[in-house]
Structures are given as C-alpha cells and as structure tokens.
Amino acid sequence: QWTILLTVIALSGGGFIGFIIALARTSTRKAVRVAAATYIQIIQGIPVLMILFLSYYGLSLAGFQMPPLVAAGVSMTIYASGYLAEIWRGSIQAVAKQQWEASESLAMTRAQQYRYVILPQALRVALPSTVGFAVQVVKNTSITSII
C-alpha cells in the first residue's frame, strides 16, 4: 500500500517539477538553461538513498523534524523530478526543427507552440521512457523502508 502511495506522490510531484525544469532546460535564456541543467546533474549524481538520508536524517539534525512518509515522498519526488525533466527535455528536442519553424511562421507565441504543436508530438516520444522510469520508481520505493 505504501509502495503505490509513494509512487503516485513521486510521479505526480516529480512530474510537475520535472515538466517545469524540462521547459527551463529548453528555454531561450542561457541562465535558465544552465540552472536547470545544474539541478538535473546534481539530482542524477546523488543516489536516491543519499537523497532519502538527507531529507530525513539531515533535516532532523538541522532541527526540522519530518515524518518518515513525508520525507520519503519528498525524496522520491526530488529523485523523479531530475530524471523526468531529462526524459521530457529529450522528447521536446526530438521534435523536428521544421515543426518549430512552421509554428513560428504561424505567429504562434512560445506557449502556443508548446501547447498545440510541440508537446503533443513530444508526448509520443516520451511515453515509453516515462513508463520505464515509472517502473524504476516503483522498485526504488523499497529503499524508503530503511527510515
């Protein structure tokens, strides 16, 4: 029962944060791209067990006590956000350049380009990798039993 709950928390929270980071990673502003890339590299470079320890034991040492379920949910959300952001960034960038140019020639705003042209196509590319990562999240929720 906790596995399902933690998986839903991680994929919904991580999906929301990951989507924002994926959009930041494809931004036209260099500072935003670099900040998003740095976040992704840090999260992907830290093992999920270390994220879990830092969120539960590390924050309690700093005086911020969290219930184990909340710490596990936060840890899995942070973990999922870094990986989903990179999966979705790759999917967005996999959309052909001509699609971007065509939507731009129709005088679409950047938000309209994403909503009507880019994201529907990127979704088809992202779906297999996202499902594969969801399986990894389910498997990694077993690690949370240590807290």
N, C-alpha and C. Protein backbone atom coordinates (compact mmCIF):
# COMPACT_ATOMS: atom_id res chain seq x y z
N GLN A 1 0.81 -1.20 0.00
CA GLN A 1 0.00 0.00 0.00
C GLN A 1 0.86 1.27 0.00
N TRP A 2 1.99 1.25 0.75
CA TRP A 2 2.87 2.41 0.77
C TRP A 2 3.61 2.56 -0.55
N THR A 3 3.89 1.45 -1.20
CA THR A 3 4.57 1.50 -2.49
C THR A 3 3.75 2.28 -3.50
N ILE A 4 2.46 1.98 -3.56
CA ILE A 4 1.59 2.67 -4.52
C ILE A 4 1.48 4.14 -4.17
N LEU A 5 1.30 4.44 -2.88
CA LEU A 5 1.18 5.84 -2.46
C LEU A 5 2.45 6.62 -2.78
N LEU A 6 3.61 6.06 -2.43
CA LEU A 6 4.87 6.76 -2.71
C LEU A 6 5.12 6.91 -4.21
N THR A 7 4.72 5.91 -4.99
CA THR A 7 4.88 6.00 -6.44
C THR A 7 4.01 7.11 -7.01
N VAL A 8 2.77 7.20 -6.55
CA VAL A 8 1.87 8.26 -7.02
C VAL A 8 2.40 9.63 -6.62
N ILE A 9 2.86 9.75 -5.39
CA ILE A 9 3.43 11.03 -4.92
C ILE A 9 4.65 11.41 -5.75
N ALA A 10 5.55 10.45 -5.95
CA ALA A 10 6.79 10.72 -6.68
C ALA A 10 6.52 11.08 -8.13
N LEU A 11 5.63 10.35 -8.78
CA LEU A 11 5.39 10.61 -10.20
C LEU A 11 4.57 11.87 -10.43
N SER A 12 3.63 12.17 -9.53
CA SER A 12 2.85 13.40 -9.72
C SER A 12 3.67 14.64 -9.35
N GLY A 13 4.29 14.62 -8.18
CA GLY A 13 5.13 15.76 -7.78
C GLY A 13 6.36 15.90 -8.64
N GLY A 14 7.03 14.78 -8.90
CA GLY A 14 8.21 14.80 -9.75
C GLY A 14 7.88 15.15 -11.18
N GLY A 15 6.70 14.72 -11.63
CA GLY A 15 6.26 15.07 -12.98
C GLY A 15 6.01 16.56 -13.13
N PHE A 16 5.38 17.15 -12.12
CA PHE A 16 5.11 18.59 -12.16
C PHE A 16 6.42 19.39 -12.15
N ILE A 17 7.28 19.08 -11.20
CA ILE A 17 8.56 19.79 -11.11
C ILE A 17 9.42 19.48 -12.33
N GLY A 18 9.44 18.22 -12.74
CA GLY A 18 10.23 17.82 -13.90
C GLY A 18 9.79 18.51 -15.18
N PHE A 19 8.48 18.71 -15.34
CA PHE A 19 7.97 19.39 -16.52
C PHE A 19 8.45 20.84 -16.55
N ILE A 20 8.39 21.50 -15.42
CA ILE A 20 8.87 22.89 -15.34
C ILE A 20 10.37 22.95 -15.64
N ILE A 21 11.12 22.02 -15.10
CA ILE A 21 12.57 22.00 -15.34
C ILE A 21 12.87 21.66 -16.79
N ALA A 22 12.08 20.77 -17.39
CA ALA A 22 12.28 20.44 -18.81
C ALA A 22 12.04 21.66 -19.68
N LEU A 23 11.01 22.43 -19.36
CA LEU A 23 10.77 23.67 -20.11
C LEU A 23 11.90 24.67 -19.88
N ALA A 24 12.39 24.74 -18.65
CA ALA A 24 13.52 25.64 -18.36
C ALA A 24 14.76 25.19 -19.12
N ARG A 25 14.91 23.88 -19.25
CA ARG A 25 16.09 23.33 -19.95
C ARG A 25 16.06 23.65 -21.44
N THR A 26 14.87 23.88 -21.99
CA THR A 26 14.75 24.23 -23.41
C THR A 26 14.50 25.73 -23.60
N SER A 27 14.72 26.50 -22.56
CA SER A 27 14.49 27.94 -22.61
C SER A 27 15.47 28.63 -23.56
N THR A 28 15.08 29.81 -24.01
CA THR A 28 15.97 30.60 -24.86
C THR A 28 16.99 31.38 -24.03
N ARG A 29 16.76 31.49 -22.72
CA ARG A 29 17.67 32.21 -21.84
C ARG A 29 18.74 31.26 -21.29
N LYS A 30 19.98 31.65 -21.48
CA LYS A 30 21.09 30.78 -21.10
C LYS A 30 21.15 30.54 -19.60
N ALA A 31 20.91 31.56 -18.79
CA ALA A 31 20.99 31.41 -17.34
C ALA A 31 19.96 30.39 -16.84
N VAL A 32 18.78 30.41 -17.42
CA VAL A 32 17.72 29.46 -17.03
C VAL A 32 18.12 28.05 -17.42
N ARG A 33 18.66 27.90 -18.64
CA ARG A 33 19.11 26.57 -19.11
C ARG A 33 20.21 26.01 -18.22
N VAL A 34 21.16 26.86 -17.86
CA VAL A 34 22.29 26.42 -17.03
C VAL A 34 21.80 26.03 -15.63
N ALA A 35 20.90 26.82 -15.06
CA ALA A 35 20.36 26.49 -13.73
C ALA A 35 19.62 25.16 -13.75
N ALA A 36 18.82 24.95 -14.78
CA ALA A 36 18.07 23.69 -14.90
C ALA A 36 19.02 22.51 -15.11
N ALA A 37 20.02 22.70 -15.95
CA ALA A 37 21.00 21.63 -16.20
C ALA A 37 21.78 21.29 -14.93
N THR A 38 22.10 22.30 -14.14
CA THR A 38 22.82 22.08 -12.89
C THR A 38 21.97 21.28 -11.92
N TYR A 39 20.70 21.65 -11.80
CA TYR A 39 19.78 20.90 -10.94
C TYR A 39 19.72 19.43 -11.35
N ILE A 40 19.56 19.20 -12.65
CA ILE A 40 19.45 17.83 -13.16
C ILE A 40 20.73 17.05 -12.87
N GLN A 41 21.88 17.66 -13.11
CA GLN A 41 23.14 16.96 -12.87
C GLN A 41 23.33 16.63 -11.40
N ILE A 42 22.95 17.54 -10.53
CA ILE A 42 23.09 17.29 -9.10
C ILE A 42 22.18 16.15 -8.66
N ILE A 43 20.92 16.20 -9.08
CA ILE A 43 19.96 15.17 -8.67
C ILE A 43 20.33 13.81 -9.25
N GLN A 44 20.74 13.77 -10.50
CA GLN A 44 21.11 12.49 -11.10
C GLN A 44 22.43 11.97 -10.56
N GLY A 45 23.24 12.84 -10.01
CA GLY A 45 24.53 12.43 -9.47
C GLY A 45 24.48 11.92 -8.04
N ILE A 46 23.37 12.17 -7.36
CA ILE A 46 23.22 11.74 -5.97
C ILE A 46 22.34 10.48 -5.96
N PRO A 47 22.80 9.41 -5.34
CA PRO A 47 21.95 8.21 -5.25
C PRO A 47 20.67 8.48 -4.46
N VAL A 48 19.61 7.78 -4.82
CA VAL A 48 18.31 8.00 -4.17
C VAL A 48 18.40 7.73 -2.67
N LEU A 49 19.24 6.80 -2.27
CA LEU A 49 19.42 6.52 -0.84
C LEU A 49 19.99 7.73 -0.11
N MET A 50 20.92 8.42 -0.74
CA MET A 50 21.51 9.61 -0.13
C MET A 50 20.48 10.74 -0.03
N ILE A 51 19.66 10.90 -1.06
CA ILE A 51 18.59 11.91 -1.00
C ILE A 51 17.64 11.59 0.14
N LEU A 52 17.33 10.32 0.30
CA LEU A 52 16.44 9.89 1.38
C LEU A 52 17.06 10.18 2.75
N PHE A 53 18.32 9.84 2.93
CA PHE A 53 19.00 10.11 4.20
C PHE A 53 19.06 11.61 4.48
N LEU A 54 19.39 12.40 3.46
CA LEU A 54 19.49 13.85 3.67
C LEU A 54 18.15 14.46 4.05
N SER A 55 17.08 14.00 3.42
CA SER A 55 15.77 14.59 3.71
C SER A 55 15.24 14.16 5.08
N TYR A 56 15.59 12.97 5.54
CA TYR A 56 15.06 12.51 6.83
C TYR A 56 16.03 12.81 7.97
N TYR A 57 17.24 12.28 7.88
CA TYR A 57 18.20 12.44 8.97
C TYR A 57 18.90 13.80 8.92
N GLY A 58 19.23 14.26 7.73
CA GLY A 58 19.93 15.54 7.60
C GLY A 58 19.10 16.72 8.07
N LEU A 59 17.84 16.74 7.68
CA LEU A 59 16.98 17.85 8.10
C LEU A 59 16.65 17.77 9.59
N SER A 60 16.59 16.56 10.14
CA SER A 60 16.33 16.45 11.58
C SER A 60 17.52 16.96 12.40
N LEU A 61 18.73 16.78 11.86
CA LEU A 61 19.91 17.34 12.54
C LEU A 61 19.88 18.86 12.52
N ALA A 62 19.27 19.42 11.48
CA ALA A 62 19.16 20.87 11.37
C ALA A 62 17.97 21.41 12.16
N GLY A 63 17.24 20.52 12.85
CA GLY A 63 16.13 20.96 13.68
C GLY A 63 14.77 20.89 13.01
N PHE A 64 14.71 20.36 11.81
CA PHE A 64 13.43 20.25 11.09
C PHE A 64 13.02 18.79 11.04
N GLN A 65 12.10 18.41 11.92
CA GLN A 65 11.66 17.02 12.02
C GLN A 65 10.54 16.75 11.02
N MET A 66 10.69 15.68 10.24
CA MET A 66 9.69 15.29 9.25
C MET A 66 9.24 13.87 9.52
N PRO A 67 7.94 13.59 9.38
CA PRO A 67 7.51 12.19 9.49
C PRO A 67 8.15 11.35 8.37
N PRO A 68 8.39 10.07 8.62
CA PRO A 68 9.06 9.24 7.61
C PRO A 68 8.35 9.21 6.25
N LEU A 69 7.03 9.16 6.25
CA LEU A 69 6.30 9.12 4.98
C LEU A 69 6.49 10.41 4.19
N VAL A 70 6.49 11.54 4.88
CA VAL A 70 6.70 12.83 4.20
C VAL A 70 8.12 12.91 3.65
N ALA A 71 9.08 12.49 4.44
CA ALA A 71 10.48 12.50 3.98
C ALA A 71 10.66 11.59 2.78
N ALA A 72 10.02 10.43 2.81
CA ALA A 72 10.11 9.50 1.68
C ALA A 72 9.45 10.10 0.45
N GLY A 73 8.29 10.74 0.62
CA GLY A 73 7.61 11.37 -0.51
C GLY A 73 8.41 12.50 -1.12
N VAL A 74 9.00 13.33 -0.27
CA VAL A 74 9.82 14.44 -0.75
C VAL A 74 11.05 13.90 -1.48
N SER A 75 11.69 12.90 -0.90
CA SER A 75 12.89 12.32 -1.51
C SER A 75 12.60 11.72 -2.88
N MET A 76 11.53 10.95 -2.96
CA MET A 76 11.18 10.31 -4.23
C MET A 76 10.73 11.34 -5.26
N THR A 77 10.10 12.42 -4.81
CA THR A 77 9.70 13.49 -5.72
C THR A 77 10.92 14.18 -6.30
N ILE A 78 11.88 14.50 -5.45
CA ILE A 78 13.11 15.14 -5.92
C ILE A 78 13.84 14.23 -6.90
N TYR A 79 13.94 12.96 -6.55
CA TYR A 79 14.60 11.97 -7.41
C TYR A 79 13.90 11.88 -8.77
N ALA A 80 12.58 11.78 -8.75
CA ALA A 80 11.83 11.63 -10.00
C ALA A 80 11.90 12.89 -10.86
N SER A 81 11.91 14.06 -10.23
CA SER A 81 11.91 15.30 -11.00
C SER A 81 13.15 15.44 -11.87
N GLY A 82 14.30 15.06 -11.34
CA GLY A 82 15.54 15.18 -12.11
C GLY A 82 15.55 14.29 -13.34
N TYR A 83 15.06 13.07 -13.19
CA TYR A 83 15.07 12.13 -14.30
C TYR A 83 13.96 12.41 -15.30
N LEU A 84 12.76 12.73 -14.81
CA LEU A 84 11.66 13.04 -15.73
C LEU A 84 11.96 14.31 -16.53
N ALA A 85 12.61 15.28 -15.90
CA ALA A 85 12.97 16.50 -16.62
C ALA A 85 13.86 16.18 -17.81
N GLU A 86 14.81 15.31 -17.61
CA GLU A 86 15.74 14.98 -18.69
C GLU A 86 15.06 14.12 -19.77
N ILE A 87 14.19 13.22 -19.37
CA ILE A 87 13.44 12.42 -20.34
C ILE A 87 12.59 13.35 -21.21
N TRP A 88 11.89 14.26 -20.57
CA TRP A 88 10.98 15.13 -21.31
C TRP A 88 11.73 16.19 -22.11
N ARG A 89 12.88 16.63 -21.63
CA ARG A 89 13.68 17.57 -22.41
C ARG A 89 14.12 16.92 -23.71
N GLY A 90 14.57 15.70 -23.63
CA GLY A 90 14.97 14.98 -24.83
C GLY A 90 13.82 14.79 -25.80
N SER A 91 12.64 14.56 -25.27
CA SER A 91 11.46 14.39 -26.12
C SER A 91 11.07 15.69 -26.80
N ILE A 92 11.17 16.78 -26.08
CA ILE A 92 10.85 18.09 -26.67
C ILE A 92 11.85 18.41 -27.77
N GLN A 93 13.12 18.15 -27.51
CA GLN A 93 14.14 18.45 -28.51
C GLN A 93 14.14 17.46 -29.68
N ALA A 94 13.43 16.34 -29.52
CA ALA A 94 13.33 15.37 -30.61
C ALA A 94 12.32 15.79 -31.68
N VAL A 95 11.49 16.76 -31.35
CA VAL A 95 10.53 17.27 -32.34
C VAL A 95 11.31 17.98 -33.43
N ALA A 96 10.97 17.69 -34.66
CA ALA A 96 11.72 18.21 -35.81
C ALA A 96 11.77 19.74 -35.82
N LYS A 97 12.89 20.25 -36.25
CA LYS A 97 13.10 21.70 -36.31
C LYS A 97 12.05 22.37 -37.20
N GLN A 98 11.63 21.66 -38.24
CA GLN A 98 10.63 22.21 -39.16
C GLN A 98 9.30 22.47 -38.45
N GLN A 99 8.99 21.68 -37.43
CA GLN A 99 7.74 21.89 -36.68
C GLN A 99 7.82 23.19 -35.88
N TRP A 100 8.98 23.45 -35.31
CA TRP A 100 9.18 24.71 -34.59
C TRP A 100 9.05 25.89 -35.56
N GLU A 101 9.71 25.75 -36.71
CA GLU A 101 9.68 26.84 -37.70
C GLU A 101 8.28 27.06 -38.25
N ALA A 102 7.55 25.99 -38.50
CA ALA A 102 6.19 26.11 -39.02
C ALA A 102 5.28 26.81 -38.01
N SER A 103 5.40 26.44 -36.75
CA SER A 103 4.55 27.08 -35.74
C SER A 103 4.96 28.53 -35.54
N GLU A 104 6.23 28.82 -35.70
CA GLU A 104 6.70 30.20 -35.59
C GLU A 104 6.19 31.04 -36.76
N SER A 105 6.14 30.43 -37.94
CA SER A 105 5.67 31.17 -39.12
C SER A 105 4.17 31.47 -39.05
N LEU A 106 3.45 30.73 -38.20
CA LEU A 106 2.03 30.99 -38.00
C LEU A 106 1.80 32.04 -36.92
N ALA A 107 2.85 32.70 -36.49
CA ALA A 107 2.82 33.77 -35.49
C ALA A 107 2.30 33.28 -34.14
N MET A 108 2.62 32.03 -33.82
CA MET A 108 2.24 31.50 -32.51
C MET A 108 3.21 32.00 -31.46
N THR A 109 2.67 32.24 -30.28
CA THR A 109 3.55 32.57 -29.16
C THR A 109 4.27 31.30 -28.74
N ARG A 110 5.27 31.45 -27.89
CA ARG A 110 6.03 30.27 -27.44
C ARG A 110 5.10 29.28 -26.70
N ALA A 111 4.19 29.82 -25.89
CA ALA A 111 3.25 28.96 -25.17
C ALA A 111 2.33 28.21 -26.14
N GLN A 112 1.87 28.88 -27.18
CA GLN A 112 1.03 28.23 -28.18
C GLN A 112 1.81 27.17 -28.95
N GLN A 113 3.06 27.45 -29.26
CA GLN A 113 3.90 26.46 -29.93
C GLN A 113 3.98 25.18 -29.10
N TYR A 114 4.25 25.34 -27.83
CA TYR A 114 4.34 24.17 -26.96
C TYR A 114 3.00 23.45 -26.86
N ARG A 115 1.94 24.20 -26.63
CA ARG A 115 0.63 23.58 -26.38
C ARG A 115 0.07 22.86 -27.59
N TYR A 116 0.13 23.47 -28.75
CA TYR A 116 -0.57 22.93 -29.92
C TYR A 116 0.32 22.11 -30.86
N VAL A 117 1.62 22.35 -30.84
CA VAL A 117 2.48 21.69 -31.83
C VAL A 117 3.52 20.78 -31.17
N ILE A 118 4.30 21.31 -30.27
CA ILE A 118 5.48 20.60 -29.76
C ILE A 118 5.11 19.50 -28.76
N LEU A 119 4.37 19.85 -27.71
CA LEU A 119 4.09 18.88 -26.65
C LEU A 119 3.27 17.67 -27.11
N PRO A 120 2.27 17.84 -27.99
CA PRO A 120 1.58 16.63 -28.46
C PRO A 120 2.51 15.65 -29.18
N GLN A 121 3.46 16.17 -29.93
CA GLN A 121 4.41 15.29 -30.61
C GLN A 121 5.44 14.73 -29.64
N ALA A 122 5.86 15.54 -28.69
CA ALA A 122 6.85 15.09 -27.71
C ALA A 122 6.27 14.01 -26.79
N LEU A 123 4.98 14.06 -26.57
CA LEU A 123 4.33 13.07 -25.70
C LEU A 123 4.50 11.66 -26.24
N ARG A 124 4.36 11.51 -27.54
CA ARG A 124 4.52 10.17 -28.14
C ARG A 124 5.94 9.65 -27.98
N VAL A 125 6.90 10.54 -28.06
CA VAL A 125 8.30 10.14 -27.91
C VAL A 125 8.60 9.83 -26.44
N ALA A 126 8.01 10.61 -25.53
CA ALA A 126 8.33 10.50 -24.10
C ALA A 126 7.65 9.33 -23.41
N LEU A 127 6.54 8.86 -23.93
CA LEU A 127 5.75 7.86 -23.23
C LEU A 127 6.51 6.58 -22.88
N PRO A 128 7.21 5.94 -23.80
CA PRO A 128 7.92 4.70 -23.42
C PRO A 128 8.97 4.91 -22.33
N SER A 129 9.73 5.97 -22.43
CA SER A 129 10.77 6.24 -21.42
C SER A 129 10.15 6.59 -20.07
N THR A 130 9.05 7.31 -20.10
CA THR A 130 8.37 7.69 -18.86
C THR A 130 7.82 6.45 -18.15
N VAL A 131 7.22 5.55 -18.90
CA VAL A 131 6.71 4.32 -18.31
C VAL A 131 7.86 3.48 -17.75
N GLY A 132 8.95 3.40 -18.48
CA GLY A 132 10.12 2.67 -18.00
C GLY A 132 10.66 3.27 -16.72
N PHE A 133 10.68 4.59 -16.63
CA PHE A 133 11.15 5.23 -15.41
C PHE A 133 10.16 5.01 -14.27
N ALA A 134 8.87 4.99 -14.57
CA ALA A 134 7.87 4.73 -13.53
C ALA A 134 8.11 3.37 -12.88
N VAL A 135 8.52 2.40 -13.67
CA VAL A 135 8.86 1.09 -13.11
C VAL A 135 10.05 1.21 -12.16
N GLN A 136 11.04 2.02 -12.53
CA GLN A 136 12.19 2.24 -11.64
C GLN A 136 11.76 2.90 -10.33
N VAL A 137 10.81 3.82 -10.40
CA VAL A 137 10.33 4.48 -9.19
C VAL A 137 9.66 3.46 -8.28
N VAL A 138 8.83 2.59 -8.86
CA VAL A 138 8.18 1.55 -8.06
C VAL A 138 9.23 0.69 -7.36
N LYS A 139 10.25 0.31 -8.09
CA LYS A 139 11.30 -0.52 -7.50
C LYS A 139 12.08 0.23 -6.43
N ASN A 140 12.32 1.51 -6.64
CA ASN A 140 13.12 2.29 -5.68
C ASN A 140 12.34 2.66 -4.42
N THR A 141 11.02 2.53 -4.44
CA THR A 141 10.28 2.84 -3.21
C THR A 141 10.61 1.84 -2.10
N SER A 142 11.13 0.69 -2.45
CA SER A 142 11.51 -0.28 -1.42
C SER A 142 12.64 0.25 -0.53
N ILE A 143 13.45 1.13 -1.08
CA ILE A 143 14.56 1.71 -0.31
C ILE A 143 14.04 2.55 0.86
N THR A 144 12.85 3.12 0.69
CA THR A 144 12.32 4.00 1.73
C THR A 144 12.00 3.26 3.03
N SER A 145 12.00 1.95 3.00
CA SER A 145 11.70 1.18 4.22
C SER A 145 12.78 1.35 5.30
N ILE A 146 13.95 1.85 4.93
CA ILE A 146 15.03 1.99 5.92
C ILE A 146 14.79 3.13 6.90
N ILE A 147 13.88 4.04 6.56
CA ILE A 147 13.56 5.09 7.53
C ILE A 147 12.23 4.74 8.15
